[in-house]
Amino acid sequence: MRKLEELLNLPPMKEAIEDSKPVEETLTEIQNNKDKLAAIDSAIDKIDLALPTVTDLEASDKEMDDLSDLATNTFKDLMDLSYNVEPRFSGPIIQSASTLLGHAITAKIAKMDKKLKMVDLQLKKARLDQQAEKNVGETVIDGKGIVLDRNALLKSILAQSNKSDK
């Protein structure tokens, strides 16, 4: 065993076993990540339906989808590999697969955040357009202003009241 570890430049077997997570815990984590990925995909589909007027999102969407697909496919390959190696070596492989699935989720979340920001901008623009349309119909009343001190104002009021009394 020592020669094989030295030949392949591997850590001692006890250290490798102590450092890795239990396989069941990692598999549970992977299943939770798969559920999150499915939920994010459905949310992205809903956002896509709400964005018929936004253009030029397709380029970065395609890149994010490609990254997510690559990570998901590599995850599947690593999971297949982990089933074909000895159980003591499958832990780090499954951990790496879980990390790749996390990257797929991150790519989907970035895509969804971008779309949500675009929807928010569309709503703000629609609100501004609506306010602008409402303000177009209003007429502006021209006014005249005079700067007076208190005493001049009182004299003006008294003069008007004296005129109305006569």
C-alpha atoms as a PDB file:
ATOM      1  CA  MET A   1       0.000   0.000   0.000  1.00  0.00           C
ATOM      2  CA  ARG A   2       2.791   2.435   0.827  1.00  0.00           C
ATOM      3  CA  LYS A   3       4.423   1.999  -2.543  1.00  0.00           C
ATOM      4  CA  LEU A   4       1.162   2.596  -4.393  1.00  0.00           C
ATOM      5  CA  GLU A   5       0.512   5.777  -2.377  1.00  0.00           C
ATOM      6  CA  GLU A   6       4.033   7.013  -3.091  1.00  0.00           C
ATOM      7  CA  LEU A   7       3.842   6.040  -6.757  1.00  0.00           C
ATOM      8  CA  LEU A   8       0.541   7.875  -7.342  1.00  0.00           C
ATOM      9  CA  ASN A   9       1.475  10.704  -4.956  1.00  0.00           C
ATOM     10  CA  LEU A  10      -1.648  10.132  -2.840  1.00  0.00           C
ATOM     11  CA  PRO A  11      -2.125  11.082   0.800  1.00  0.00           C
ATOM     12  CA  PRO A  12      -2.022   8.238   3.318  1.00  0.00           C
ATOM     13  CA  MET A  13      -5.254   6.270   3.252  1.00  0.00           C
ATOM     14  CA  LYS A  14      -6.245   7.137   6.845  1.00  0.00           C
ATOM     15  CA  GLU A  15      -6.000  10.887   6.129  1.00  0.00           C
ATOM     16  CA  ALA A  16      -8.017  10.576   2.921  1.00  0.00           C
ATOM     17  CA  ILE A  17     -10.758   8.632   4.679  1.00  0.00           C
ATOM     18  CA  GLU A  18     -10.910  11.068   7.643  1.00  0.00           C
ATOM     19  CA  ASP A  19     -11.027  14.151   5.387  1.00  0.00           C
ATOM     20  CA  SER A  20     -13.923  13.036   3.195  1.00  0.00           C
ATOM     21  CA  LYS A  21     -17.624  13.375   4.016  1.00  0.00           C
ATOM     22  CA  PRO A  22     -19.756  10.277   4.413  1.00  0.00           C
ATOM     23  CA  VAL A  23     -21.178   9.133   1.081  1.00  0.00           C
ATOM     24  CA  GLU A  24     -24.779   9.212   2.362  1.00  0.00           C
ATOM     25  CA  GLU A  25     -24.442  12.842   3.473  1.00  0.00           C
ATOM     26  CA  THR A  26     -22.983  13.839   0.122  1.00  0.00           C
ATOM     27  CA  LEU A  27     -25.705  11.976  -1.786  1.00  0.00           C
ATOM     28  CA  THR A  28     -28.381  13.771   0.269  1.00  0.00           C
ATOM     29  CA  GLU A  29     -26.711  17.095  -0.505  1.00  0.00           C
ATOM     30  CA  ILE A  30     -26.655  16.228  -4.208  1.00  0.00           C
ATOM     31  CA  GLN A  31     -30.357  15.333  -4.191  1.00  0.00           C
ATOM     32  CA  ASN A  32     -31.167  18.665  -2.504  1.00  0.00           C
ATOM     33  CA  ASN A  33     -29.119  20.470  -5.159  1.00  0.00           C
ATOM     34  CA  LYS A  34     -30.999  18.638  -7.931  1.00  0.00           C
ATOM     35  CA  ASP A  35     -34.302  19.793  -6.422  1.00  0.00           C
ATOM     36  CA  LYS A  36     -33.027  23.380  -6.240  1.00  0.00           C
ATOM     37  CA  LEU A  37     -31.907  23.200  -9.870  1.00  0.00           C
ATOM     38  CA  ALA A  38     -35.342  21.995 -10.967  1.00  0.00           C
ATOM     39  CA  ALA A  39     -37.055  24.799  -9.029  1.00  0.00           C
ATOM     40  CA  ILE A  40     -34.744  27.385 -10.548  1.00  0.00           C
ATOM     41  CA  ASP A  41     -35.392  26.017 -14.048  1.00  0.00           C
ATOM     42  CA  SER A  42     -39.153  26.367 -13.571  1.00  0.00           C
ATOM     43  CA  ALA A  43     -38.730  29.922 -12.243  1.00  0.00           C
ATOM     44  CA  ILE A  44     -36.586  30.832 -15.249  1.00  0.00           C
ATOM     45  CA  ASP A  45     -39.269  29.467 -17.573  1.00  0.00           C
ATOM     46  CA  LYS A  46     -41.881  31.662 -15.868  1.00  0.00           C
ATOM     47  CA  ILE A  47     -39.645  34.703 -16.232  1.00  0.00           C
ATOM     48  CA  ASP A  48     -39.047  33.872 -19.899  1.00  0.00           C
ATOM     49  CA  LEU A  49     -42.800  34.035 -20.480  1.00  0.00           C
ATOM     50  CA  ALA A  50     -42.926  37.486 -18.865  1.00  0.00           C
ATOM     51  CA  LEU A  51     -40.158  38.876 -21.071  1.00  0.00           C
ATOM     52  CA  PRO A  52     -41.513  39.001 -24.610  1.00  0.00           C
ATOM     53  CA  THR A  53     -40.394  42.597 -25.168  1.00  0.00           C
ATOM     54  CA  VAL A  54     -36.829  42.297 -23.918  1.00  0.00           C
ATOM     55  CA  THR A  55     -34.320  41.582 -26.660  1.00  0.00           C
ATOM     56  CA  ASP A  56     -30.626  40.662 -26.788  1.00  0.00           C
ATOM     57  CA  LEU A  57     -30.817  38.478 -23.705  1.00  0.00           C
ATOM     58  CA  GLU A  58     -30.285  35.353 -25.745  1.00  0.00           C
ATOM     59  CA  ALA A  59     -26.485  35.625 -26.051  1.00  0.00           C
ATOM     60  CA  SER A  60     -25.684  35.552 -22.348  1.00  0.00           C
ATOM     61  CA  ASP A  61     -28.593  33.196 -21.660  1.00  0.00           C
ATOM     62  CA  LYS A  62     -27.064  30.714 -24.072  1.00  0.00           C
ATOM     63  CA  GLU A  63     -23.674  31.020 -22.373  1.00  0.00           C
ATOM     64  CA  MET A  64     -25.182  30.453 -18.927  1.00  0.00           C
ATOM     65  CA  ASP A  65     -27.190  27.493 -20.243  1.00  0.00           C
ATOM     66  CA  ASP A  66     -24.044  26.033 -21.819  1.00  0.00           C
ATOM     67  CA  LEU A  67     -22.136  26.381 -18.547  1.00  0.00           C
ATOM     68  CA  SER A  68     -24.989  24.839 -16.607  1.00  0.00           C
ATOM     69  CA  ASP A  69     -25.319  21.957 -19.085  1.00  0.00           C
ATOM     70  CA  LEU A  70     -21.572  21.313 -19.037  1.00  0.00           C
ATOM     71  CA  ALA A  71     -21.530  21.227 -15.246  1.00  0.00           C
ATOM     72  CA  THR A  72     -24.585  18.955 -15.148  1.00  0.00           C
ATOM     73  CA  ASN A  73     -23.136  16.547 -17.732  1.00  0.00           C
ATOM     74  CA  THR A  74     -19.805  16.426 -15.922  1.00  0.00           C
ATOM     75  CA  PHE A  75     -21.711  15.812 -12.692  1.00  0.00           C
ATOM     76  CA  LYS A  76     -23.401  12.799 -14.288  1.00  0.00           C
ATOM     77  CA  ASP A  77     -20.060  11.478 -15.566  1.00  0.00           C
ATOM     78  CA  LEU A  78     -18.463  11.833 -12.140  1.00  0.00           C
ATOM     79  CA  MET A  79     -21.409  10.116 -10.471  1.00  0.00           C
ATOM     80  CA  ASP A  80     -21.086   7.212 -12.916  1.00  0.00           C
ATOM     81  CA  LEU A  81     -17.369   7.071 -12.177  1.00  0.00           C
ATOM     82  CA  SER A  82     -17.988   7.068  -8.419  1.00  0.00           C
ATOM     83  CA  TYR A  83     -20.198   3.985  -8.772  1.00  0.00           C
ATOM     84  CA  ASN A  84     -17.404   2.153 -10.614  1.00  0.00           C
ATOM     85  CA  VAL A  85     -14.556   2.744  -8.155  1.00  0.00           C
ATOM     86  CA  GLU A  86     -13.946   1.341  -4.719  1.00  0.00           C
ATOM     87  CA  PRO A  87     -16.264   2.860  -2.095  1.00  0.00           C
ATOM     88  CA  ARG A  88     -13.389   4.387  -0.142  1.00  0.00           C
ATOM     89  CA  PHE A  89     -12.372   6.465  -3.160  1.00  0.00           C
ATOM     90  CA  SER A  90     -15.877   7.449  -4.218  1.00  0.00           C
ATOM     91  CA  GLY A  91     -16.290  10.109  -1.506  1.00  0.00           C
ATOM     92  CA  PRO A  92     -13.991  12.770  -3.051  1.00  0.00           C
ATOM     93  CA  ILE A  93     -15.389  12.039  -6.516  1.00  0.00           C
ATOM     94  CA  ILE A  94     -18.937  12.531  -5.277  1.00  0.00           C
ATOM     95  CA  GLN A  95     -17.853  15.722  -3.489  1.00  0.00           C
ATOM     96  CA  SER A  96     -16.445  17.061  -6.761  1.00  0.00           C
ATOM     97  CA  ALA A  97     -19.670  16.114  -8.530  1.00  0.00           C
ATOM     98  CA  SER A  98     -21.639  17.979  -5.882  1.00  0.00           C
ATOM     99  CA  THR A  99     -19.456  21.056  -6.422  1.00  0.00           C
ATOM    100  CA  LEU A 100     -20.136  20.920 -10.158  1.00  0.00           C
ATOM    101  CA  LEU A 101     -23.860  20.724  -9.503  1.00  0.00           C
ATOM    102  CA  GLY A 102     -23.463  23.798  -7.290  1.00  0.00           C
ATOM    103  CA  HIS A 103     -21.821  25.600 -10.208  1.00  0.00           C
ATOM    104  CA  ALA A 104     -24.757  24.647 -12.431  1.00  0.00           C
ATOM    105  CA  ILE A 105     -27.136  26.121  -9.870  1.00  0.00           C
ATOM    106  CA  THR A 106     -25.039  29.295  -9.657  1.00  0.00           C
ATOM    107  CA  ALA A 107     -25.190  29.721 -13.440  1.00  0.00           C
ATOM    108  CA  LYS A 108     -28.973  29.309 -13.432  1.00  0.00           C
ATOM    109  CA  ILE A 109     -29.337  31.773 -10.542  1.00  0.00           C
ATOM    110  CA  ALA A 110     -27.208  34.355 -12.370  1.00  0.00           C
ATOM    111  CA  LYS A 111     -29.428  33.951 -15.423  1.00  0.00           C
ATOM    112  CA  MET A 112     -32.581  34.329 -13.344  1.00  0.00           C
ATOM    113  CA  ASP A 113     -31.232  37.408 -11.524  1.00  0.00           C
ATOM    114  CA  LYS A 114     -30.462  39.090 -14.817  1.00  0.00           C
ATOM    115  CA  LYS A 115     -33.973  38.436 -16.078  1.00  0.00           C
ATOM    116  CA  LEU A 116     -35.540  39.680 -12.852  1.00  0.00           C
ATOM    117  CA  LYS A 117     -33.548  42.908 -13.129  1.00  0.00           C
ATOM    118  CA  MET A 118     -34.810  43.320 -16.691  1.00  0.00           C
ATOM    119  CA  VAL A 119     -38.415  42.799 -15.546  1.00  0.00           C
ATOM    120  CA  ASP A 120     -37.865  45.366 -12.791  1.00  0.00           C
ATOM    121  CA  LEU A 121     -36.525  47.866 -15.316  1.00  0.00           C
ATOM    122  CA  GLN A 122     -39.515  47.224 -17.586  1.00  0.00           C
ATOM    123  CA  LEU A 123     -41.916  47.876 -14.711  1.00  0.00           C
ATOM    124  CA  LYS A 124     -40.129  51.099 -13.799  1.00  0.00           C
ATOM    125  CA  LYS A 125     -40.218  52.247 -17.417  1.00  0.00           C
ATOM    126  CA  ALA A 126     -43.928  51.430 -17.684  1.00  0.00           C
ATOM    127  CA  ARG A 127     -44.600  53.405 -14.486  1.00  0.00           C
ATOM    128  CA  LEU A 128     -42.668  56.410 -15.822  1.00  0.00           C
ATOM    129  CA  ASP A 129     -44.506  56.206 -19.159  1.00  0.00           C
ATOM    130  CA  GLN A 130     -47.839  56.098 -17.346  1.00  0.00           C
ATOM    131  CA  GLN A 131     -46.944  59.136 -15.233  1.00  0.00           C
ATOM    132  CA  ALA A 132     -45.776  61.015 -18.331  1.00  0.00           C
ATOM    133  CA  GLU A 133     -49.086  60.292 -20.107  1.00  0.00           C
ATOM    134  CA  LYS A 134     -51.039  61.478 -17.070  1.00  0.00           C
ATOM    135  CA  ASN A 135     -49.033  64.718 -16.891  1.00  0.00           C
ATOM    136  CA  VAL A 136     -49.504  65.492 -20.606  1.00  0.00           C
ATOM    137  CA  GLY A 137     -53.247  66.162 -20.168  1.00  0.00           C
ATOM    138  CA  GLU A 138     -52.778  68.671 -17.333  1.00  0.00           C
ATOM    139  CA  THR A 139     -52.837  72.375 -18.182  1.00  0.00           C
ATOM    140  CA  VAL A 140     -50.325  74.701 -16.640  1.00  0.00           C
ATOM    141  CA  ILE A 141     -51.762  77.744 -14.892  1.00  0.00           C
ATOM    142  CA  ASP A 142     -49.591  80.801 -15.231  1.00  0.00           C
ATOM    143  CA  GLY A 143     -49.245  82.761 -12.049  1.00  0.00           C
ATOM    144  CA  LYS A 144     -47.774  85.992 -10.886  1.00  0.00           C
ATOM    145  CA  GLY A 145     -45.788  86.359  -7.740  1.00  0.00           C
ATOM    146  CA  ILE A 146     -44.888  89.391  -5.669  1.00  0.00           C
ATOM    147  CA  VAL A 147     -42.441  89.513  -2.814  1.00  0.00           C
ATOM    148  CA  LEU A 148     -43.904  91.440   0.137  1.00  0.00           C
ATOM    149  CA  ASP A 149     -43.006  91.938   3.712  1.00  0.00           C
ATOM    150  CA  ARG A 150     -45.537  91.486   6.488  1.00  0.00           C
ATOM    151  CA  ASN A 151     -46.500  95.131   6.780  1.00  0.00           C
ATOM    152  CA  ALA A 152     -47.062  95.555   3.024  1.00  0.00           C
ATOM    153  CA  LEU A 153     -49.217  92.423   3.009  1.00  0.00           C
ATOM    154  CA  LEU A 154     -51.357  93.720   5.886  1.00  0.00           C
ATOM    155  CA  LYS A 155     -51.810  97.095   4.131  1.00  0.00           C
ATOM    156  CA  SER A 156     -52.883  95.290   0.957  1.00  0.00           C
ATOM    157  CA  ILE A 157     -55.413  93.164   2.831  1.00  0.00           C
ATOM    158  CA  LEU A 158     -56.813  96.173   4.707  1.00  0.00           C
ATOM    159  CA  ALA A 159     -57.100  98.133   1.454  1.00  0.00           C
ATOM    160  CA  GLN A 160     -59.065  95.318  -0.172  1.00  0.00           C
ATOM    161  CA  SER A 161     -61.339  94.961   2.850  1.00  0.00           C
ATOM    162  CA  ASN A 162     -61.962  98.749   2.888  1.00  0.00           C
ATOM    163  CA  LYS A 163     -62.886  98.661  -0.827  1.00  0.00           C
ATOM    164  CA  SER A 164     -65.320  95.810  -0.279  1.00  0.00           C
ATOM    165  CA  ASP A 165     -66.943  97.573   2.728  1.00  0.00           C
ATOM    166  CA  LYS A 166     -67.695 100.730   0.705  1.00  0.00           C
END
